[in-house]
């Protein structure tokens, strides 16, 4: 598991991840994480502008952005996902967030099965604010049942198997990834304020097993993961405040 790295001027530490996102973030001492959700997804450029305006209204720098939740019209091909990520990361680079090739911002990016947006955009985002709260807030980035950096699609767990047994293997792999990332952040699942599941498949037979790990606050988003052939994704967060932005 990669080590925890500081983004001191952002007010958080992050687990090194891959090019488009980190594996997770946790507030540094003296800071807490808040989450803001848009009433409806905003296209990428409009969303970045709205995030910048919101941070400015709170007196926070752009480097306070620590996590993004994106929505896309449909799952990408593997090549299409790579191309999309280039444009997204370019903006983070201009904001001064990407340093020495490392992207600190955690992320999920999923495709709603019902009423998807016309183009990729922001659903929600998290950021740091000064706080006296001693319990550290965090976000674990979304992960599906594919080992990032592995062979694609050959290394997808239970690839193409949507049977109850196949979905169980997928879910257990993702649960283990969430637990590993939490441990890397020095956090515990029992501290989370929300755990989100993203799938269009019936996972009710797995709810008891998932809830045993995730505890309260389990949310089902009827969405597909961002890349074709991946079927089950999760993310985890603990935030001190949630806002709805019109």
C-alpha atoms as a PDB file:
ATOM      1  CA  UNK A   1       0.000   0.000   0.000  1.00  0.00           C
ATOM      2  CA  UNK A   2       1.440   3.422  -0.916  1.00  0.00           C
ATOM      3  CA  UNK A   3       2.398   5.784   1.867  1.00  0.00           C
ATOM      4  CA  UNK A   4       0.490   8.802   3.133  1.00  0.00           C
ATOM      5  CA  UNK A   5       1.746  12.058   1.588  1.00  0.00           C
ATOM      6  CA  UNK A   6       1.095  15.655   2.708  1.00  0.00           C
ATOM      7  CA  UNK A   7      -0.619  18.461   0.828  1.00  0.00           C
ATOM      8  CA  UNK A   8      -0.036  20.953   3.612  1.00  0.00           C
ATOM      9  CA  UNK A   9      -1.475  24.019   1.865  1.00  0.00           C
ATOM     10  CA  UNK A  10      -4.611  22.015   1.093  1.00  0.00           C
ATOM     11  CA  UNK A  11      -5.069  20.912   4.692  1.00  0.00           C
ATOM     12  CA  UNK A  12      -5.001  17.180   4.011  1.00  0.00           C
ATOM     13  CA  UNK A  13      -2.846  14.116   3.433  1.00  0.00           C
ATOM     14  CA  UNK A  14      -3.401  11.650   0.599  1.00  0.00           C
ATOM     15  CA  UNK A  15      -2.650   8.073  -0.356  1.00  0.00           C
ATOM     16  CA  UNK A  16      -0.718   7.958  -3.611  1.00  0.00           C
ATOM     17  CA  UNK A  17      -2.851   6.503  -6.378  1.00  0.00           C
ATOM     18  CA  UNK A  18      -2.878   6.478 -10.154  1.00  0.00           C
ATOM     19  CA  UNK A  19      -2.803   9.294 -12.712  1.00  0.00           C
ATOM     20  CA  UNK A  20      -6.492  10.395 -12.449  1.00  0.00           C
ATOM     21  CA  UNK A  21      -6.864  10.301  -8.646  1.00  0.00           C
ATOM     22  CA  UNK A  22      -5.428   9.373  -5.270  1.00  0.00           C
ATOM     23  CA  UNK A  23      -6.617   6.371  -3.286  1.00  0.00           C
ATOM     24  CA  UNK A  24      -7.981   8.561  -0.509  1.00  0.00           C
ATOM     25  CA  UNK A  25      -7.544  11.667   1.597  1.00  0.00           C
ATOM     26  CA  UNK A  26      -7.668  12.524   5.300  1.00  0.00           C
ATOM     27  CA  UNK A  27      -7.807  15.946   6.956  1.00  0.00           C
ATOM     28  CA  UNK A  28      -4.674  17.198   8.650  1.00  0.00           C
ATOM     29  CA  UNK A  29      -4.771  18.407  12.263  1.00  0.00           C
ATOM     30  CA  UNK A  30      -6.732  21.653  12.469  1.00  0.00           C
ATOM     31  CA  UNK A  31      -8.903  20.867   9.445  1.00  0.00           C
ATOM     32  CA  UNK A  32     -12.061  18.929   8.604  1.00  0.00           C
ATOM     33  CA  UNK A  33     -13.735  17.807   5.388  1.00  0.00           C
ATOM     34  CA  UNK A  34     -17.053  19.111   4.134  1.00  0.00           C
ATOM     35  CA  UNK A  35     -19.036  17.793   1.171  1.00  0.00           C
ATOM     36  CA  UNK A  36     -21.130  19.834  -1.250  1.00  0.00           C
ATOM     37  CA  UNK A  37     -23.536  18.245  -3.741  1.00  0.00           C
ATOM     38  CA  UNK A  38     -25.042  19.983  -6.747  1.00  0.00           C
ATOM     39  CA  UNK A  39     -28.798  19.876  -7.285  1.00  0.00           C
ATOM     40  CA  UNK A  40     -28.043  18.301 -10.667  1.00  0.00           C
ATOM     41  CA  UNK A  41     -24.708  17.333 -12.261  1.00  0.00           C
ATOM     42  CA  UNK A  42     -22.806  20.260 -13.744  1.00  0.00           C
ATOM     43  CA  UNK A  43     -20.706  19.793 -16.913  1.00  0.00           C
ATOM     44  CA  UNK A  44     -17.015  19.584 -16.122  1.00  0.00           C
ATOM     45  CA  UNK A  45     -15.956  23.174 -16.936  1.00  0.00           C
ATOM     46  CA  UNK A  46     -19.046  24.636 -15.261  1.00  0.00           C
ATOM     47  CA  UNK A  47     -18.487  22.399 -12.262  1.00  0.00           C
ATOM     48  CA  UNK A  48     -14.885  23.463 -11.809  1.00  0.00           C
ATOM     49  CA  UNK A  49     -15.996  27.104 -11.937  1.00  0.00           C
ATOM     50  CA  UNK A  50     -18.716  26.470  -9.341  1.00  0.00           C
ATOM     51  CA  UNK A  51     -16.259  24.670  -7.071  1.00  0.00           C
ATOM     52  CA  UNK A  52     -13.786  27.538  -7.325  1.00  0.00           C
ATOM     53  CA  UNK A  53     -16.543  30.040  -6.491  1.00  0.00           C
ATOM     54  CA  UNK A  54     -17.732  27.988  -3.510  1.00  0.00           C
ATOM     55  CA  UNK A  55     -14.224  27.657  -2.112  1.00  0.00           C
ATOM     56  CA  UNK A  56     -13.637  31.388  -2.563  1.00  0.00           C
ATOM     57  CA  UNK A  57     -16.885  32.158  -0.709  1.00  0.00           C
ATOM     58  CA  UNK A  58     -15.489  30.218   2.255  1.00  0.00           C
ATOM     59  CA  UNK A  59     -12.086  31.878   2.031  1.00  0.00           C
ATOM     60  CA  UNK A  60     -10.485  28.604   0.958  1.00  0.00           C
ATOM     61  CA  UNK A  61      -7.861  28.165  -1.783  1.00  0.00           C
ATOM     62  CA  UNK A  62      -8.359  25.913  -4.795  1.00  0.00           C
ATOM     63  CA  UNK A  63      -5.894  23.490  -3.220  1.00  0.00           C
ATOM     64  CA  UNK A  64      -8.537  22.768  -0.546  1.00  0.00           C
ATOM     65  CA  UNK A  65     -10.339  20.565  -3.106  1.00  0.00           C
ATOM     66  CA  UNK A  66      -9.650  16.997  -2.000  1.00  0.00           C
ATOM     67  CA  UNK A  67     -12.297  14.732  -3.569  1.00  0.00           C
ATOM     68  CA  UNK A  68     -14.621  14.716  -6.576  1.00  0.00           C
ATOM     69  CA  UNK A  69     -17.718  12.670  -7.403  1.00  0.00           C
ATOM     70  CA  UNK A  70     -18.369  12.646 -11.146  1.00  0.00           C
ATOM     71  CA  UNK A  71     -21.301  11.452 -13.235  1.00  0.00           C
ATOM     72  CA  UNK A  72     -20.989  10.327 -16.862  1.00  0.00           C
ATOM     73  CA  UNK A  73     -23.543   9.492 -19.575  1.00  0.00           C
ATOM     74  CA  UNK A  74     -22.375   5.878 -19.882  1.00  0.00           C
ATOM     75  CA  UNK A  75     -19.363   3.728 -18.989  1.00  0.00           C
ATOM     76  CA  UNK A  76     -16.245   4.536 -20.988  1.00  0.00           C
ATOM     77  CA  UNK A  77     -14.149   2.162 -22.995  1.00  0.00           C
ATOM     78  CA  UNK A  78     -10.753   1.723 -21.374  1.00  0.00           C
ATOM     79  CA  UNK A  79      -9.164   4.037 -23.951  1.00  0.00           C
ATOM     80  CA  UNK A  80     -11.985   6.561 -23.673  1.00  0.00           C
ATOM     81  CA  UNK A  81     -11.571   6.692 -19.894  1.00  0.00           C
ATOM     82  CA  UNK A  82      -7.856   7.394 -20.272  1.00  0.00           C
ATOM     83  CA  UNK A  83      -8.573  10.221 -22.723  1.00  0.00           C
ATOM     84  CA  UNK A  84     -11.221  11.773 -20.461  1.00  0.00           C
ATOM     85  CA  UNK A  85      -8.822  11.720 -17.522  1.00  0.00           C
ATOM     86  CA  UNK A  86      -6.240  13.785 -19.385  1.00  0.00           C
ATOM     87  CA  UNK A  87      -8.554  16.789 -19.658  1.00  0.00           C
ATOM     88  CA  UNK A  88      -9.740  16.433 -16.053  1.00  0.00           C
ATOM     89  CA  UNK A  89      -6.222  16.265 -14.642  1.00  0.00           C
ATOM     90  CA  UNK A  90      -5.066  19.234 -16.739  1.00  0.00           C
ATOM     91  CA  UNK A  91      -7.413  21.463 -14.742  1.00  0.00           C
ATOM     92  CA  UNK A  92      -6.077  20.104 -11.442  1.00  0.00           C
ATOM     93  CA  UNK A  93      -2.582  20.896 -12.685  1.00  0.00           C
ATOM     94  CA  UNK A  94      -3.527  24.522 -13.395  1.00  0.00           C
ATOM     95  CA  UNK A  95      -5.014  24.698  -9.887  1.00  0.00           C
ATOM     96  CA  UNK A  96      -1.649  23.722  -8.409  1.00  0.00           C
ATOM     97  CA  UNK A  97      -2.861  20.403  -7.039  1.00  0.00           C
ATOM     98  CA  UNK A  98      -0.771  17.971  -9.095  1.00  0.00           C
ATOM     99  CA  UNK A  99       2.850  18.061  -7.972  1.00  0.00           C
ATOM    100  CA  UNK A 100       5.763  15.889  -9.048  1.00  0.00           C
ATOM    101  CA  UNK A 101       3.285  13.932 -11.131  1.00  0.00           C
ATOM    102  CA  UNK A 102       1.163  13.010  -8.111  1.00  0.00           C
ATOM    103  CA  UNK A 103      -2.562  13.763  -8.052  1.00  0.00           C
ATOM    104  CA  UNK A 104      -3.848  14.170  -4.468  1.00  0.00           C
ATOM    105  CA  UNK A 105      -7.576  14.459  -5.256  1.00  0.00           C
ATOM    106  CA  UNK A 106      -9.655  11.330  -4.538  1.00  0.00           C
ATOM    107  CA  UNK A 107     -12.469  10.520  -6.969  1.00  0.00           C
ATOM    108  CA  UNK A 108     -15.394   8.390  -8.014  1.00  0.00           C
ATOM    109  CA  UNK A 109     -16.870   8.538 -11.525  1.00  0.00           C
ATOM    110  CA  UNK A 110     -20.003   6.540 -12.289  1.00  0.00           C
ATOM    111  CA  UNK A 111     -22.764   6.412 -14.900  1.00  0.00           C
ATOM    112  CA  UNK A 112     -26.380   6.663 -13.692  1.00  0.00           C
ATOM    113  CA  UNK A 113     -28.590   4.013 -15.272  1.00  0.00           C
ATOM    114  CA  UNK A 114     -31.639   6.308 -15.054  1.00  0.00           C
ATOM    115  CA  UNK A 115     -31.628   9.921 -16.335  1.00  0.00           C
ATOM    116  CA  UNK A 116     -27.876  10.099 -17.028  1.00  0.00           C
ATOM    117  CA  UNK A 117     -26.304  13.493 -17.772  1.00  0.00           C
ATOM    118  CA  UNK A 118     -25.673  14.499 -21.376  1.00  0.00           C
ATOM    119  CA  UNK A 119     -21.944  14.859 -20.695  1.00  0.00           C
ATOM    120  CA  UNK A 120     -19.514  14.105 -17.859  1.00  0.00           C
ATOM    121  CA  UNK A 121     -19.715  16.460 -14.927  1.00  0.00           C
ATOM    122  CA  UNK A 122     -19.625  17.004 -11.185  1.00  0.00           C
ATOM    123  CA  UNK A 123     -22.173  15.492  -8.820  1.00  0.00           C
ATOM    124  CA  UNK A 124     -20.405  16.446  -5.576  1.00  0.00           C
ATOM    125  CA  UNK A 125     -17.029  17.375  -4.124  1.00  0.00           C
ATOM    126  CA  UNK A 126     -15.221  17.533  -0.798  1.00  0.00           C
ATOM    127  CA  UNK A 127     -12.846  20.162   0.531  1.00  0.00           C
ATOM    128  CA  UNK A 128     -11.064  21.166   3.720  1.00  0.00           C
ATOM    129  CA  UNK A 129     -12.041  23.885   6.187  1.00  0.00           C
ATOM    130  CA  UNK A 130     -10.321  24.980   9.405  1.00  0.00           C
ATOM    131  CA  UNK A 131     -11.779  23.090  12.374  1.00  0.00           C
ATOM    132  CA  UNK A 132     -11.135  22.317  16.014  1.00  0.00           C
ATOM    133  CA  UNK A 133     -12.695  18.853  15.707  1.00  0.00           C
ATOM    134  CA  UNK A 134     -10.110  16.282  16.752  1.00  0.00           C
ATOM    135  CA  UNK A 135     -11.768  13.364  14.901  1.00  0.00           C
ATOM    136  CA  UNK A 136     -10.175  13.323  11.447  1.00  0.00           C
ATOM    137  CA  UNK A 137     -12.496  13.246   8.454  1.00  0.00           C
ATOM    138  CA  UNK A 138     -11.618  11.354   5.275  1.00  0.00           C
ATOM    139  CA  UNK A 139     -12.667  10.145   1.828  1.00  0.00           C
ATOM    140  CA  UNK A 140     -11.741   6.781   0.328  1.00  0.00           C
ATOM    141  CA  UNK A 141     -11.705   6.962  -3.466  1.00  0.00           C
ATOM    142  CA  UNK A 142     -14.055   4.783  -5.487  1.00  0.00           C
ATOM    143  CA  UNK A 143     -12.836   1.376  -6.623  1.00  0.00           C
ATOM    144  CA  UNK A 144     -14.371  -1.340  -8.757  1.00  0.00           C
ATOM    145  CA  UNK A 145     -13.356  -4.990  -8.997  1.00  0.00           C
ATOM    146  CA  UNK A 146     -10.257  -4.424 -11.125  1.00  0.00           C
ATOM    147  CA  UNK A 147      -6.748  -4.034  -9.665  1.00  0.00           C
ATOM    148  CA  UNK A 148      -5.643  -0.627 -10.930  1.00  0.00           C
ATOM    149  CA  UNK A 149      -2.517  -1.034 -13.018  1.00  0.00           C
ATOM    150  CA  UNK A 150      -3.331  -4.655 -13.801  1.00  0.00           C
ATOM    151  CA  UNK A 151      -4.149  -6.109 -17.195  1.00  0.00           C
ATOM    152  CA  UNK A 152      -7.438  -4.889 -18.590  1.00  0.00           C
ATOM    153  CA  UNK A 153      -9.858  -6.547 -18.936  1.00  0.00           C
ATOM    154  CA  UNK A 154      -8.170  -9.862 -18.076  1.00  0.00           C
ATOM    155  CA  UNK A 155      -7.660  -9.022 -14.384  1.00  0.00           C
ATOM    156  CA  UNK A 156     -11.253  -7.967 -13.663  1.00  0.00           C
ATOM    157  CA  UNK A 157     -12.381 -10.089 -10.713  1.00  0.00           C
ATOM    158  CA  UNK A 158     -14.965 -12.681 -11.853  1.00  0.00           C
ATOM    159  CA  UNK A 159     -15.005 -11.035 -15.258  1.00  0.00           C
ATOM    160  CA  UNK A 160     -18.368 -11.433 -16.980  1.00  0.00           C
ATOM    161  CA  UNK A 161     -19.810 -13.475 -14.098  1.00  0.00           C
ATOM    162  CA  UNK A 162     -23.050 -11.826 -12.918  1.00  0.00           C
ATOM    163  CA  UNK A 163     -24.265 -14.862 -11.023  1.00  0.00           C
ATOM    164  CA  UNK A 164     -24.740 -14.528  -7.236  1.00  0.00           C
ATOM    165  CA  UNK A 165     -21.353 -16.208  -6.756  1.00  0.00           C
ATOM    166  CA  UNK A 166     -19.677 -13.884  -9.252  1.00  0.00           C
ATOM    167  CA  UNK A 167     -21.153 -10.753  -7.685  1.00  0.00           C
ATOM    168  CA  UNK A 168     -20.076 -12.020  -4.264  1.00  0.00           C
ATOM    169  CA  UNK A 169     -16.482 -12.357  -5.451  1.00  0.00           C
ATOM    170  CA  UNK A 170     -16.581  -8.865  -6.944  1.00  0.00           C
ATOM    171  CA  UNK A 171     -18.083  -7.296  -3.814  1.00  0.00           C
ATOM    172  CA  UNK A 172     -15.654  -9.029  -1.460  1.00  0.00           C
ATOM    173  CA  UNK A 173     -12.683  -7.846  -3.526  1.00  0.00           C
ATOM    174  CA  UNK A 174     -13.962  -4.257  -3.436  1.00  0.00           C
ATOM    175  CA  UNK A 175     -14.667  -4.497   0.305  1.00  0.00           C
ATOM    176  CA  UNK A 176     -11.087  -5.625   0.878  1.00  0.00           C
ATOM    177  CA  UNK A 177      -9.823  -2.692  -1.206  1.00  0.00           C
ATOM    178  CA  UNK A 178     -11.904  -0.225   0.832  1.00  0.00           C
ATOM    179  CA  UNK A 179     -10.538  -1.732   4.055  1.00  0.00           C
ATOM    180  CA  UNK A 180      -6.948  -1.499   2.785  1.00  0.00           C
ATOM    181  CA  UNK A 181      -7.356   2.142   1.816  1.00  0.00           C
ATOM    182  CA  UNK A 182      -8.953   2.978   5.153  1.00  0.00           C
ATOM    183  CA  UNK A 183      -6.021   1.349   6.911  1.00  0.00           C
ATOM    184  CA  UNK A 184      -3.614   3.321   4.733  1.00  0.00           C
ATOM    185  CA  UNK A 185      -5.304   6.536   5.844  1.00  0.00           C
ATOM    186  CA  UNK A 186      -5.178   5.478   9.487  1.00  0.00           C
ATOM    187  CA  UNK A 187      -8.992   5.465   9.596  1.00  0.00           C
ATOM    188  CA  UNK A 188     -11.644   2.932  10.584  1.00  0.00           C
ATOM    189  CA  UNK A 189     -14.856   2.005   8.799  1.00  0.00           C
ATOM    190  CA  UNK A 190     -16.764   2.474  12.052  1.00  0.00           C
ATOM    191  CA  UNK A 191     -15.935   6.205  11.818  1.00  0.00           C
ATOM    192  CA  UNK A 192     -17.519   6.639   8.366  1.00  0.00           C
ATOM    193  CA  UNK A 193     -20.563   8.855   7.854  1.00  0.00           C
ATOM    194  CA  UNK A 194     -21.483   7.175   4.540  1.00  0.00           C
ATOM    195  CA  UNK A 195     -20.566   4.170   2.408  1.00  0.00           C
ATOM    196  CA  UNK A 196     -21.772   4.254  -1.191  1.00  0.00           C
ATOM    197  CA  UNK A 197     -22.329   1.248  -3.470  1.00  0.00           C
ATOM    198  CA  UNK A 198     -22.550   1.719  -7.245  1.00  0.00           C
ATOM    199  CA  UNK A 199     -24.084  -1.122  -9.251  1.00  0.00           C
ATOM    200  CA  UNK A 200     -27.149  -1.880 -11.362  1.00  0.00           C
ATOM    201  CA  UNK A 201     -27.230  -5.492 -10.170  1.00  0.00           C
ATOM    202  CA  UNK A 202     -29.288  -6.857  -7.305  1.00  0.00           C
ATOM    203  CA  UNK A 203     -26.851  -7.197  -4.426  1.00  0.00           C
ATOM    204  CA  UNK A 204     -29.441  -7.694  -1.669  1.00  0.00           C
ATOM    205  CA  UNK A 205     -28.076 -11.180  -0.838  1.00  0.00           C
ATOM    206  CA  UNK A 206     -24.771  -9.440  -0.043  1.00  0.00           C
ATOM    207  CA  UNK A 207     -26.146  -6.600   2.084  1.00  0.00           C
ATOM    208  CA  UNK A 208     -25.632  -8.394   5.392  1.00  0.00           C
ATOM    209  CA  UNK A 209     -21.978  -9.090   4.580  1.00  0.00           C
ATOM    210  CA  UNK A 210     -21.399  -5.538   3.359  1.00  0.00           C
ATOM    211  CA  UNK A 211     -23.179  -3.998   6.345  1.00  0.00           C
ATOM    212  CA  UNK A 212     -21.104  -6.128   8.706  1.00  0.00           C
ATOM    213  CA  UNK A 213     -18.013  -4.376   7.346  1.00  0.00           C
ATOM    214  CA  UNK A 214     -19.443  -0.965   6.484  1.00  0.00           C
ATOM    215  CA  UNK A 215     -21.894  -0.503   9.353  1.00  0.00           C
ATOM    216  CA  UNK A 216     -24.531   2.224   9.184  1.00  0.00           C
ATOM    217  CA  UNK A 217     -24.942   4.694   6.347  1.00  0.00           C
ATOM    218  CA  UNK A 218     -24.946   2.245   3.416  1.00  0.00           C
ATOM    219  CA  UNK A 219     -26.234   3.994   0.263  1.00  0.00           C
ATOM    220  CA  UNK A 220     -27.104   2.287  -3.039  1.00  0.00           C
ATOM    221  CA  UNK A 221     -26.558   4.411  -6.146  1.00  0.00           C
ATOM    222  CA  UNK A 222     -28.193   2.835  -9.210  1.00  0.00           C
ATOM    223  CA  UNK A 223     -25.169   3.519 -11.391  1.00  0.00           C
ATOM    224  CA  UNK A 224     -22.577   1.639 -13.395  1.00  0.00           C
ATOM    225  CA  UNK A 225     -18.842   1.978 -12.670  1.00  0.00           C
ATOM    226  CA  UNK A 226     -16.935   4.188 -15.118  1.00  0.00           C
ATOM    227  CA  UNK A 227     -15.380   1.545 -17.386  1.00  0.00           C
ATOM    228  CA  UNK A 228     -17.150  -1.114 -19.440  1.00  0.00           C
ATOM    229  CA  UNK A 229     -17.161  -4.624 -17.898  1.00  0.00           C
ATOM    230  CA  UNK A 230     -16.705  -3.379 -14.326  1.00  0.00           C
ATOM    231  CA  UNK A 231     -19.900  -4.038 -12.377  1.00  0.00           C
ATOM    232  CA  UNK A 232     -19.473  -3.138  -8.686  1.00  0.00           C
ATOM    233  CA  UNK A 233     -17.899  -0.078  -7.072  1.00  0.00           C
ATOM    234  CA  UNK A 234     -17.789   1.497  -3.621  1.00  0.00           C
ATOM    235  CA  UNK A 235     -16.444   4.557  -1.841  1.00  0.00           C
ATOM    236  CA  UNK A 236     -16.405   5.629   1.826  1.00  0.00           C
ATOM    237  CA  UNK A 237     -16.360   8.977   3.578  1.00  0.00           C
ATOM    238  CA  UNK A 238     -16.517  10.766   6.903  1.00  0.00           C
ATOM    239  CA  UNK A 239     -17.382  14.456   6.615  1.00  0.00           C
ATOM    240  CA  UNK A 240     -18.459  16.983   9.208  1.00  0.00           C
ATOM    241  CA  UNK A 241     -21.013  18.785   7.034  1.00  0.00           C
ATOM    242  CA  UNK A 242     -22.971  18.135   3.810  1.00  0.00           C
ATOM    243  CA  UNK A 243     -24.319  21.001   1.711  1.00  0.00           C
ATOM    244  CA  UNK A 244     -26.700  21.141  -1.254  1.00  0.00           C
ATOM    245  CA  UNK A 245     -25.761  23.713  -3.891  1.00  0.00           C
ATOM    246  CA  UNK A 246     -28.451  24.938  -6.289  1.00  0.00           C
END
